[in-house]
Amino acid sequence: MRLAVVSSDGENVDLHLGKGKSLYIYDYTDDLAFVEKREIEIAEDAKHQGGKVIKTCSDCDVLICVQYGFKSKIKAEDAGIKLVMDEGPIDEVLERYIDHVEFMKN
């Protein structure tokens, strides 16, 4: 499973999807592994930029951010990406999500 988190500093999930200038990509099979950081050109004052973020992580299964809008939800569903709202330190956010996925498997 490939996961993307929206973060301003690489340490915390702390941004709305449409304000995400950087994505941190992780792979999870048996262990969590950092893959890369991806930069996105986001205009500070523009609205509805979630589509740019979704396009940038089109190879991901899950995208985690603090919040997202209705249009972004539709775009993510069309792209086959699950949007998740959470916030806090990246390692804790990813651990919560993975624990939830593992729990749901059992």
PDB file of N, CA and C in Angstrom:
ATOM      1  N   MET A   1       0.861  -1.162   0.000  1.00  0.00           N
ATOM      2  CA  MET A   1       0.000   0.000   0.000  1.00  0.00           C
ATOM      3  C   MET A   1       0.909   1.227   0.000  1.00  0.00           C
ATOM      4  N   ARG A   2       0.612   2.155  -0.849  1.00  0.00           N
ATOM      5  CA  ARG A   2       1.369   3.409  -0.911  1.00  0.00           C
ATOM      6  C   ARG A   2       0.522   4.518  -0.289  1.00  0.00           C
ATOM      7  N   LEU A   3       1.131   5.250   0.653  1.00  0.00           N
ATOM      8  CA  LEU A   3       0.443   6.304   1.383  1.00  0.00           C
ATOM      9  C   LEU A   3       1.139   7.635   1.150  1.00  0.00           C
ATOM     10  N   ALA A   4       0.349   8.688   1.024  1.00  0.00           N
ATOM     11  CA  ALA A   4       0.874  10.048   0.896  1.00  0.00           C
ATOM     12  C   ALA A   4       0.306  10.877   2.042  1.00  0.00           C
ATOM     13  N   VAL A   5       1.150  11.721   2.618  1.00  0.00           N
ATOM     14  CA  VAL A   5       0.685  12.640   3.651  1.00  0.00           C
ATOM     15  C   VAL A   5       1.024  14.063   3.235  1.00  0.00           C
ATOM     16  N   VAL A   6       0.121  14.979   3.548  1.00  0.00           N
ATOM     17  CA  VAL A   6       0.315  16.395   3.253  1.00  0.00           C
ATOM     18  C   VAL A   6       0.962  17.027   4.484  1.00  0.00           C
ATOM     19  N   SER A   7       2.141  17.625   4.271  1.00  0.00           N
ATOM     20  CA  SER A   7       2.879  18.186   5.395  1.00  0.00           C
ATOM     21  C   SER A   7       3.675  19.405   4.965  1.00  0.00           C
ATOM     22  N   SER A   8       3.723  20.398   5.846  1.00  0.00           N
ATOM     23  CA  SER A   8       4.515  21.591   5.565  1.00  0.00           C
ATOM     24  C   SER A   8       5.979  21.419   5.973  1.00  0.00           C
ATOM     25  N   ASP A   9       6.235  20.462   6.873  1.00  0.00           N
ATOM     26  CA  ASP A   9       7.573  20.354   7.438  1.00  0.00           C
ATOM     27  C   ASP A   9       8.179  18.951   7.413  1.00  0.00           C
ATOM     28  N   GLY A  10       7.455  17.977   6.900  1.00  0.00           N
ATOM     29  CA  GLY A  10       7.969  16.610   6.861  1.00  0.00           C
ATOM     30  C   GLY A  10       7.886  15.885   8.185  1.00  0.00           C
ATOM     31  N   GLU A  11       7.324  16.542   9.176  1.00  0.00           N
ATOM     32  CA  GLU A  11       7.193  15.932  10.495  1.00  0.00           C
ATOM     33  C   GLU A  11       5.743  15.789  10.941  1.00  0.00           C
ATOM     34  N   ASN A  12       4.870  16.679  10.436  1.00  0.00           N
ATOM     35  CA  ASN A  12       3.476  16.697  10.880  1.00  0.00           C
ATOM     36  C   ASN A  12       2.516  16.746   9.701  1.00  0.00           C
ATOM     37  N   VAL A  13       1.393  16.054   9.839  1.00  0.00           N
ATOM     38  CA  VAL A  13       0.274  16.219   8.915  1.00  0.00           C
ATOM     39  C   VAL A  13      -0.439  17.458   9.438  1.00  0.00           C
ATOM     40  N   ASP A  14      -0.320  18.574   8.678  1.00  0.00           N
ATOM     41  CA  ASP A  14      -0.747  19.855   9.246  1.00  0.00           C
ATOM     42  C   ASP A  14      -1.391  20.804   8.234  1.00  0.00           C
ATOM     43  N   LEU A  15      -1.775  20.303   7.068  1.00  0.00           N
ATOM     44  CA  LEU A  15      -2.341  21.191   6.056  1.00  0.00           C
ATOM     45  C   LEU A  15      -3.616  20.635   5.437  1.00  0.00           C
ATOM     46  N   HIS A  16      -4.459  21.570   4.999  1.00  0.00           N
ATOM     47  CA  HIS A  16      -5.616  21.257   4.174  1.00  0.00           C
ATOM     48  C   HIS A  16      -5.092  20.727   2.840  1.00  0.00           C
ATOM     49  N   LEU A  17      -5.793  19.809   2.231  1.00  0.00           N
ATOM     50  CA  LEU A  17      -5.352  19.203   0.975  1.00  0.00           C
ATOM     51  C   LEU A  17      -4.999  20.247  -0.072  1.00  0.00           C
ATOM     52  N   GLY A  18      -5.845  21.253  -0.259  1.00  0.00           N
ATOM     53  CA  GLY A  18      -5.637  22.263  -1.283  1.00  0.00           C
ATOM     54  C   GLY A  18      -4.490  23.227  -1.016  1.00  0.00           C
ATOM     55  N   LYS A  19      -3.895  23.149   0.159  1.00  0.00           N
ATOM     56  CA  LYS A  19      -2.746  24.002   0.510  1.00  0.00           C
ATOM     57  C   LYS A  19      -1.458  23.185   0.602  1.00  0.00           C
ATOM     58  N   GLY A  20      -1.532  21.933   0.189  1.00  0.00           N
ATOM     59  CA  GLY A  20      -0.394  21.029   0.312  1.00  0.00           C
ATOM     60  C   GLY A  20       0.674  21.269  -0.738  1.00  0.00           C
ATOM     61  N   LYS A  21       1.744  21.959  -0.364  1.00  0.00           N
ATOM     62  CA  LYS A  21       2.852  22.212  -1.280  1.00  0.00           C
ATOM     63  C   LYS A  21       3.814  21.030  -1.335  1.00  0.00           C
ATOM     64  N   SER A  22       3.729  20.158  -0.344  1.00  0.00           N
ATOM     65  CA  SER A  22       4.619  19.004  -0.349  1.00  0.00           C
ATOM     66  C   SER A  22       3.913  17.764   0.178  1.00  0.00           C
ATOM     67  N   LEU A  23       4.222  16.661  -0.476  1.00  0.00           N
ATOM     68  CA  LEU A  23       3.704  15.354  -0.095  1.00  0.00           C
ATOM     69  C   LEU A  23       4.877  14.482   0.314  1.00  0.00           C
ATOM     70  N   TYR A  24       4.655  13.674   1.327  1.00  0.00           N
ATOM     71  CA  TYR A  24       5.651  12.707   1.766  1.00  0.00           C
ATOM     72  C   TYR A  24       5.044  11.333   1.506  1.00  0.00           C
ATOM     73  N   ILE A  25       5.765  10.540   0.742  1.00  0.00           N
ATOM     74  CA  ILE A  25       5.254   9.267   0.255  1.00  0.00           C
ATOM     75  C   ILE A  25       5.903   8.121   1.024  1.00  0.00           C
ATOM     76  N   TYR A  26       5.074   7.160   1.434  1.00  0.00           N
ATOM     77  CA  TYR A  26       5.528   5.989   2.182  1.00  0.00           C
ATOM     78  C   TYR A  26       4.939   4.732   1.556  1.00  0.00           C
ATOM     79  N   ASP A  27       5.688   3.639   1.632  1.00  0.00           N
ATOM     80  CA  ASP A  27       5.184   2.332   1.245  1.00  0.00           C
ATOM     81  C   ASP A  27       5.017   1.490   2.493  1.00  0.00           C
ATOM     82  N   TYR A  28       3.937   0.701   2.514  1.00  0.00           N
ATOM     83  CA  TYR A  28       3.712  -0.214   3.629  1.00  0.00           C
ATOM     84  C   TYR A  28       3.373  -1.588   3.077  1.00  0.00           C
ATOM     85  N   THR A  29       4.168  -2.557   3.466  1.00  0.00           N
ATOM     86  CA  THR A  29       3.841  -3.968   3.241  1.00  0.00           C
ATOM     87  C   THR A  29       3.833  -4.611   4.623  1.00  0.00           C
ATOM     88  N   ASP A  30       5.006  -5.019   5.098  1.00  0.00           N
ATOM     89  CA  ASP A  30       5.124  -5.491   6.482  1.00  0.00           C
ATOM     90  C   ASP A  30       5.675  -4.396   7.383  1.00  0.00           C
ATOM     91  N   ASP A  31       6.440  -3.495   6.776  1.00  0.00           N
ATOM     92  CA  ASP A  31       7.022  -2.363   7.491  1.00  0.00           C
ATOM     93  C   ASP A  31       6.726  -1.086   6.714  1.00  0.00           C
ATOM     94  N   LEU A  32       6.826   0.018   7.405  1.00  0.00           N
ATOM     95  CA  LEU A  32       6.628   1.327   6.779  1.00  0.00           C
ATOM     96  C   LEU A  32       7.977   1.855   6.306  1.00  0.00           C
ATOM     97  N   ALA A  33       8.030   2.291   5.046  1.00  0.00           N
ATOM     98  CA  ALA A  33       9.283   2.810   4.490  1.00  0.00           C
ATOM     99  C   ALA A  33       9.027   4.133   3.772  1.00  0.00           C
ATOM    100  N   PHE A  34       9.849   5.140   4.094  1.00  0.00           N
ATOM    101  CA  PHE A  34       9.764   6.414   3.402  1.00  0.00           C
ATOM    102  C   PHE A  34      10.283   6.232   1.981  1.00  0.00           C
ATOM    103  N   VAL A  35       9.561   6.801   1.005  1.00  0.00           N
ATOM    104  CA  VAL A  35       9.942   6.682  -0.404  1.00  0.00           C
ATOM    105  C   VAL A  35      10.537   7.991  -0.915  1.00  0.00           C
ATOM    106  N   GLU A  36       9.759   9.082  -0.798  1.00  0.00           N
ATOM    107  CA  GLU A  36      10.238  10.349  -1.345  1.00  0.00           C
ATOM    108  C   GLU A  36       9.354  11.517  -0.911  1.00  0.00           C
ATOM    109  N   LYS A  37       9.878  12.706  -1.150  1.00  0.00           N
ATOM    110  CA  LYS A  37       9.125  13.947  -0.970  1.00  0.00           C
ATOM    111  C   LYS A  37       8.800  14.477  -2.362  1.00  0.00           C
ATOM    112  N   ARG A  38       7.553  14.908  -2.567  1.00  0.00           N
ATOM    113  CA  ARG A  38       7.125  15.481  -3.843  1.00  0.00           C
ATOM    114  C   ARG A  38       6.650  16.914  -3.613  1.00  0.00           C
ATOM    115  N   GLU A  39       7.124  17.816  -4.455  1.00  0.00           N
ATOM    116  CA  GLU A  39       6.749  19.230  -4.371  1.00  0.00           C
ATOM    117  C   GLU A  39       5.610  19.528  -5.354  1.00  0.00           C
ATOM    118  N   ILE A  40       4.734  20.450  -4.967  1.00  0.00           N
ATOM    119  CA  ILE A  40       3.587  20.842  -5.779  1.00  0.00           C
ATOM    120  C   ILE A  40       3.521  22.364  -5.823  1.00  0.00           C
ATOM    121  N   GLU A  41       3.290  22.930  -7.008  1.00  0.00           N
ATOM    122  CA  GLU A  41       3.128  24.375  -7.119  1.00  0.00           C
ATOM    123  C   GLU A  41       1.699  24.746  -6.752  1.00  0.00           C
ATOM    124  N   ILE A  42       1.568  25.383  -5.605  1.00  0.00           N
ATOM    125  CA  ILE A  42       0.269  25.809  -5.091  1.00  0.00           C
ATOM    126  C   ILE A  42       0.292  27.331  -4.969  1.00  0.00           C
ATOM    127  N   ALA A  43      -0.711  27.991  -5.537  1.00  0.00           N
ATOM    128  CA  ALA A  43      -0.839  29.441  -5.396  1.00  0.00           C
ATOM    129  C   ALA A  43      -1.412  29.739  -4.009  1.00  0.00           C
ATOM    130  N   GLU A  44      -0.751  30.590  -3.270  1.00  0.00           N
ATOM    131  CA  GLU A  44      -1.144  30.884  -1.885  1.00  0.00           C
ATOM    132  C   GLU A  44      -2.597  31.332  -1.744  1.00  0.00           C
ATOM    133  N   ASP A  45      -3.093  32.139  -2.684  1.00  0.00           N
ATOM    134  CA  ASP A  45      -4.416  32.724  -2.533  1.00  0.00           C
ATOM    135  C   ASP A  45      -5.505  32.053  -3.375  1.00  0.00           C
ATOM    136  N   ALA A  46      -5.160  31.034  -4.142  1.00  0.00           N
ATOM    137  CA  ALA A  46      -6.147  30.364  -4.997  1.00  0.00           C
ATOM    138  C   ALA A  46      -6.914  29.292  -4.222  1.00  0.00           C
ATOM    139  N   LYS A  47      -8.132  29.027  -4.669  1.00  0.00           N
ATOM    140  CA  LYS A  47      -8.960  27.990  -4.064  1.00  0.00           C
ATOM    141  C   LYS A  47      -8.996  26.776  -4.987  1.00  0.00           C
ATOM    142  N   HIS A  48      -9.494  25.681  -4.470  1.00  0.00           N
ATOM    143  CA  HIS A  48      -9.737  24.457  -5.246  1.00  0.00           C
ATOM    144  C   HIS A  48      -8.479  23.929  -5.930  1.00  0.00           C
ATOM    145  N   GLN A  49      -7.420  23.759  -5.159  1.00  0.00           N
ATOM    146  CA  GLN A  49      -6.173  23.232  -5.711  1.00  0.00           C
ATOM    147  C   GLN A  49      -5.929  21.776  -5.318  1.00  0.00           C
ATOM    148  N   GLY A  50      -6.910  21.162  -4.684  1.00  0.00           N
ATOM    149  CA  GLY A  50      -6.776  19.771  -4.274  1.00  0.00           C
ATOM    150  C   GLY A  50      -6.519  18.843  -5.445  1.00  0.00           C
ATOM    151  N   GLY A  51      -7.047  19.193  -6.616  1.00  0.00           N
ATOM    152  CA  GLY A  51      -6.838  18.370  -7.805  1.00  0.00           C
ATOM    153  C   GLY A  51      -5.372  18.248  -8.178  1.00  0.00           C
ATOM    154  N   LYS A  52      -4.597  19.311  -7.973  1.00  0.00           N
ATOM    155  CA  LYS A  52      -3.154  19.269  -8.246  1.00  0.00           C
ATOM    156  C   LYS A  52      -2.463  18.266  -7.325  1.00  0.00           C
ATOM    157  N   VAL A  53      -2.869  18.273  -6.074  1.00  0.00           N
ATOM    158  CA  VAL A  53      -2.275  17.375  -5.094  1.00  0.00           C
ATOM    159  C   VAL A  53      -2.636  15.935  -5.433  1.00  0.00           C
ATOM    160  N   ILE A  54      -3.888  15.702  -5.765  1.00  0.00           N
ATOM    161  CA  ILE A  54      -4.343  14.357  -6.113  1.00  0.00           C
ATOM    162  C   ILE A  54      -3.603  13.845  -7.344  1.00  0.00           C
ATOM    163  N   LYS A  55      -3.439  14.692  -8.341  1.00  0.00           N
ATOM    164  CA  LYS A  55      -2.716  14.293  -9.554  1.00  0.00           C
ATOM    165  C   LYS A  55      -1.259  13.930  -9.233  1.00  0.00           C
ATOM    166  N   THR A  56      -0.663  14.654  -8.302  1.00  0.00           N
ATOM    167  CA  THR A  56       0.736  14.417  -7.935  1.00  0.00           C
ATOM    168  C   THR A  56       0.927  13.080  -7.225  1.00  0.00           C
ATOM    169  N   CYS A  57      -0.110  12.576  -6.602  1.00  0.00           N
ATOM    170  CA  CYS A  57       0.016  11.283  -5.911  1.00  0.00           C
ATOM    171  C   CYS A  57      -0.882  10.229  -6.551  1.00  0.00           C
ATOM    172  N   SER A  58      -0.989  10.271  -7.862  1.00  0.00           N
ATOM    173  CA  SER A  58      -1.868   9.343  -8.579  1.00  0.00           C
ATOM    174  C   SER A  58      -1.459   7.880  -8.424  1.00  0.00           C
ATOM    175  N   ASP A  59      -0.220   7.621  -8.027  1.00  0.00           N
ATOM    176  CA  ASP A  59       0.243   6.250  -7.818  1.00  0.00           C
ATOM    177  C   ASP A  59       0.021   5.777  -6.381  1.00  0.00           C
ATOM    178  N   CYS A  60      -0.618   6.600  -5.550  1.00  0.00           N
ATOM    179  CA  CYS A  60      -0.838   6.268  -4.146  1.00  0.00           C
ATOM    180  C   CYS A  60      -2.238   5.689  -3.944  1.00  0.00           C
ATOM    181  N   ASP A  61      -2.371   4.893  -2.894  1.00  0.00           N
ATOM    182  CA  ASP A  61      -3.659   4.300  -2.534  1.00  0.00           C
ATOM    183  C   ASP A  61      -4.419   5.162  -1.534  1.00  0.00           C
ATOM    184  N   VAL A  62      -3.668   5.863  -0.686  1.00  0.00           N
ATOM    185  CA  VAL A  62      -4.244   6.636   0.414  1.00  0.00           C
ATOM    186  C   VAL A  62      -3.569   8.004   0.465  1.00  0.00           C
ATOM    187  N   LEU A  63      -4.360   9.028   0.725  1.00  0.00           N
ATOM    188  CA  LEU A  63      -3.859  10.390   0.873  1.00  0.00           C
ATOM    189  C   LEU A  63      -4.413  10.948   2.179  1.00  0.00           C
ATOM    190  N   ILE A  64      -3.519  11.328   3.086  1.00  0.00           N
ATOM    191  CA  ILE A  64      -3.926  11.795   4.412  1.00  0.00           C
ATOM    192  C   ILE A  64      -3.600  13.280   4.552  1.00  0.00           C
ATOM    193  N   CYS A  65      -4.605  14.044   4.987  1.00  0.00           N
ATOM    194  CA  CYS A  65      -4.458  15.486   5.192  1.00  0.00           C
ATOM    195  C   CYS A  65      -5.352  15.905   6.352  1.00  0.00           C
ATOM    196  N   VAL A  66      -5.227  17.161   6.770  1.00  0.00           N
ATOM    197  CA  VAL A  66      -6.035  17.660   7.877  1.00  0.00           C
ATOM    198  C   VAL A  66      -7.504  17.777   7.466  1.00  0.00           C
ATOM    199  N   GLN A  67      -7.732  18.263   6.245  1.00  0.00           N
ATOM    200  CA  GLN A  67      -9.096  18.485   5.782  1.00  0.00           C
ATOM    201  C   GLN A  67      -9.095  18.533   4.261  1.00  0.00           C
ATOM    202  N   TYR A  68     -10.244  18.273   3.653  1.00  0.00           N
ATOM    203  CA  TYR A  68     -10.378  18.372   2.204  1.00  0.00           C
ATOM    204  C   TYR A  68     -11.800  18.786   1.865  1.00  0.00           C
ATOM    205  N   GLY A  69     -11.977  19.297   0.657  1.00  0.00           N
ATOM    206  CA  GLY A  69     -13.285  19.747   0.214  1.00  0.00           C
ATOM    207  C   GLY A  69     -14.029  18.691  -0.587  1.00  0.00           C
ATOM    208  N   PHE A  70     -15.275  18.995  -0.866  1.00  0.00           N
ATOM    209  CA  PHE A  70     -16.155  18.066  -1.565  1.00  0.00           C
ATOM    210  C   PHE A  70     -15.635  17.723  -2.960  1.00  0.00           C
ATOM    211  N   LYS A  71     -15.169  18.724  -3.708  1.00  0.00           N
ATOM    212  CA  LYS A  71     -14.658  18.473  -5.059  1.00  0.00           C
ATOM    213  C   LYS A  71     -13.432  17.572  -5.027  1.00  0.00           C
ATOM    214  N   SER A  72     -12.579  17.778  -4.048  1.00  0.00           N
ATOM    215  CA  SER A  72     -11.386  16.931  -3.916  1.00  0.00           C
ATOM    216  C   SER A  72     -11.775  15.494  -3.616  1.00  0.00           C
ATOM    217  N   LYS A  73     -12.805  15.317  -2.815  1.00  0.00           N
ATOM    218  CA  LYS A  73     -13.261  13.961  -2.496  1.00  0.00           C
ATOM    219  C   LYS A  73     -13.690  13.236  -3.767  1.00  0.00           C
ATOM    220  N   ILE A  74     -14.428  13.911  -4.607  1.00  0.00           N
ATOM    221  CA  ILE A  74     -14.887  13.312  -5.858  1.00  0.00           C
ATOM    222  C   ILE A  74     -13.698  13.001  -6.770  1.00  0.00           C
ATOM    223  N   LYS A  75     -12.765  13.938  -6.891  1.00  0.00           N
ATOM    224  CA  LYS A  75     -11.587  13.725  -7.738  1.00  0.00           C
ATOM    225  C   LYS A  75     -10.755  12.552  -7.230  1.00  0.00           C
ATOM    226  N   ALA A  76     -10.606  12.445  -5.932  1.00  0.00           N
ATOM    227  CA  ALA A  76      -9.834  11.344  -5.355  1.00  0.00           C
ATOM    228  C   ALA A  76     -10.526  10.009  -5.613  1.00  0.00           C
ATOM    229  N   GLU A  77     -11.831   9.963  -5.431  1.00  0.00           N
ATOM    230  CA  GLU A  77     -12.578   8.728  -5.701  1.00  0.00           C
ATOM    231  C   GLU A  77     -12.429   8.325  -7.162  1.00  0.00           C
ATOM    232  N   ASP A  78     -12.528   9.293  -8.066  1.00  0.00           N
ATOM    233  CA  ASP A  78     -12.361   9.009  -9.495  1.00  0.00           C
ATOM    234  C   ASP A  78     -10.964   8.476  -9.811  1.00  0.00           C
ATOM    235  N   ALA A  79      -9.964   8.916  -9.040  1.00  0.00           N
ATOM    236  CA  ALA A  79      -8.578   8.483  -9.242  1.00  0.00           C
ATOM    237  C   ALA A  79      -8.263   7.193  -8.486  1.00  0.00           C
ATOM    238  N   GLY A  80      -9.226   6.695  -7.713  1.00  0.00           N
ATOM    239  CA  GLY A  80      -9.005   5.474  -6.947  1.00  0.00           C
ATOM    240  C   GLY A  80      -8.172   5.683  -5.695  1.00  0.00           C
ATOM    241  N   ILE A  81      -8.187   6.900  -5.164  1.00  0.00           N
ATOM    242  CA  ILE A  81      -7.409   7.232  -3.975  1.00  0.00           C
ATOM    243  C   ILE A  81      -8.366   7.439  -2.801  1.00  0.00           C
ATOM    244  N   LYS A  82      -8.042   6.809  -1.676  1.00  0.00           N
ATOM    245  CA  LYS A  82      -8.839   6.988  -0.466  1.00  0.00           C
ATOM    246  C   LYS A  82      -8.329   8.218   0.280  1.00  0.00           C
ATOM    247  N   LEU A  83      -9.200   9.179   0.539  1.00  0.00           N
ATOM    248  CA  LEU A  83      -8.849  10.370   1.314  1.00  0.00           C
ATOM    249  C   LEU A  83      -9.159  10.120   2.781  1.00  0.00           C
ATOM    250  N   VAL A  84      -8.221  10.510   3.637  1.00  0.00           N
ATOM    251  CA  VAL A  84      -8.373  10.328   5.074  1.00  0.00           C
ATOM    252  C   VAL A  84      -8.033  11.649   5.757  1.00  0.00           C
ATOM    253  N   MET A  85      -8.862  12.045   6.724  1.00  0.00           N
ATOM    254  CA  MET A  85      -8.577  13.248   7.511  1.00  0.00           C
ATOM    255  C   MET A  85      -7.969  12.835   8.848  1.00  0.00           C
ATOM    256  N   ASP A  86      -6.822  13.412   9.147  1.00  0.00           N
ATOM    257  CA  ASP A  86      -6.158  13.204  10.432  1.00  0.00           C
ATOM    258  C   ASP A  86      -5.114  14.303  10.561  1.00  0.00           C
ATOM    259  N   GLU A  87      -4.576  14.477  11.738  1.00  0.00           N
ATOM    260  CA  GLU A  87      -3.507  15.454  11.920  1.00  0.00           C
ATOM    261  C   GLU A  87      -2.640  15.040  13.087  1.00  0.00           C
ATOM    262  N   GLY A  88      -1.419  15.561  13.077  1.00  0.00           N
ATOM    263  CA  GLY A  88      -0.465  15.244  14.125  1.00  0.00           C
ATOM    264  C   GLY A  88       0.846  14.796  13.513  1.00  0.00           C
ATOM    265  N   PRO A  89       1.752  14.292  14.346  1.00  0.00           N
ATOM    266  CA  PRO A  89       3.029  13.808  13.828  1.00  0.00           C
ATOM    267  C   PRO A  89       2.818  12.709  12.776  1.00  0.00           C
ATOM    268  N   ILE A  90       3.571  12.773  11.691  1.00  0.00           N
ATOM    269  CA  ILE A  90       3.396  11.835  10.584  1.00  0.00           C
ATOM    270  C   ILE A  90       3.474  10.394  11.055  1.00  0.00           C
ATOM    271  N   ASP A  91       4.457  10.062  11.882  1.00  0.00           N
ATOM    272  CA  ASP A  91       4.599   8.672  12.309  1.00  0.00           C
ATOM    273  C   ASP A  91       3.376   8.193  13.082  1.00  0.00           C
ATOM    274  N   GLU A  92       2.793   9.061  13.913  1.00  0.00           N
ATOM    275  CA  GLU A  92       1.597   8.688  14.672  1.00  0.00           C
ATOM    276  C   GLU A  92       0.379   8.558  13.760  1.00  0.00           C
ATOM    277  N   VAL A  93       0.241   9.468  12.814  1.00  0.00           N
ATOM    278  CA  VAL A  93      -0.888   9.433  11.876  1.00  0.00           C
ATOM    279  C   VAL A  93      -0.830   8.151  11.042  1.00  0.00           C
ATOM    280  N   LEU A  94       0.341   7.832  10.521  1.00  0.00           N
ATOM    281  CA  LEU A  94       0.487   6.616   9.716  1.00  0.00           C
ATOM    282  C   LEU A  94       0.253   5.365  10.556  1.00  0.00           C
ATOM    283  N   GLU A  95       0.746   5.359  11.777  1.00  0.00           N
ATOM    284  CA  GLU A  95       0.540   4.219  12.667  1.00  0.00           C
ATOM    285  C   GLU A  95      -0.949   4.011  12.950  1.00  0.00           C
ATOM    286  N   ARG A  96      -1.674   5.100  13.206  1.00  0.00           N
ATOM    287  CA  ARG A  96      -3.121   4.990  13.444  1.00  0.00           C
ATOM    288  C   ARG A  96      -3.831   4.401  12.235  1.00  0.00           C
ATOM    289  N   TYR A  97      -3.465   4.904  11.038  1.00  0.00           N
ATOM    290  CA  TYR A  97      -4.132   4.416   9.840  1.00  0.00           C
ATOM    291  C   TYR A  97      -3.816   2.936   9.598  1.00  0.00           C
ATOM    292  N   ILE A  98      -2.559   2.580   9.704  1.00  0.00           N
ATOM    293  CA  ILE A  98      -2.159   1.179   9.474  1.00  0.00           C
ATOM    294  C   ILE A  98      -2.790   0.261  10.512  1.00  0.00           C
ATOM    295  N   ASP A  99      -2.823   0.675  11.775  1.00  0.00           N
ATOM    296  CA  ASP A  99      -3.488  -0.118  12.815  1.00  0.00           C
ATOM    297  C   ASP A  99      -4.956  -0.331  12.461  1.00  0.00           C
ATOM    298  N   HIS A 100      -5.605   0.700  11.975  1.00  0.00           N
ATOM    299  CA  HIS A 100      -7.014   0.590  11.584  1.00  0.00           C
ATOM    300  C   HIS A 100      -7.184  -0.405  10.432  1.00  0.00           C
ATOM    301  N   VAL A 101      -6.333  -0.299   9.422  1.00  0.00           N
ATOM    302  CA  VAL A 101      -6.410  -1.212   8.277  1.00  0.00           C
ATOM    303  C   VAL A 101      -6.194  -2.651   8.727  1.00  0.00           C
ATOM    304  N   GLU A 102      -5.187  -2.878   9.553  1.00  0.00           N
ATOM    305  CA  GLU A 102      -4.898  -4.231  10.050  1.00  0.00           C
ATOM    306  C   GLU A 102      -6.052  -4.763  10.895  1.00  0.00           C
ATOM    307  N   PHE A 103      -6.644  -3.899  11.717  1.00  0.00           N
ATOM    308  CA  PHE A 103      -7.791  -4.297  12.536  1.00  0.00           C
ATOM    309  C   PHE A 103      -8.970  -4.712  11.654  1.00  0.00           C
ATOM    310  N   MET A 104      -9.217  -3.945  10.594  1.00  0.00           N
ATOM    311  CA  MET A 104     -10.345  -4.234   9.711  1.00  0.00           C
ATOM    312  C   MET A 104     -10.135  -5.530   8.916  1.00  0.00           C
ATOM    313  N   LYS A 105      -8.891  -5.902   8.685  1.00  0.00           N
ATOM    314  CA  LYS A 105      -8.606  -7.177   7.990  1.00  0.00           C
ATOM    315  C   LYS A 105      -9.006  -8.371   8.842  1.00  0.00           C
ATOM    316  N   ASN A 106      -8.887  -8.213  10.153  1.00  0.00           N
ATOM    317  CA  ASN A 106      -9.180  -9.323  11.072  1.00  0.00           C
ATOM    318  C   ASN A 106     -10.587  -9.229  11.515  1.00  0.00           C
TER     319      ASN A 106
END
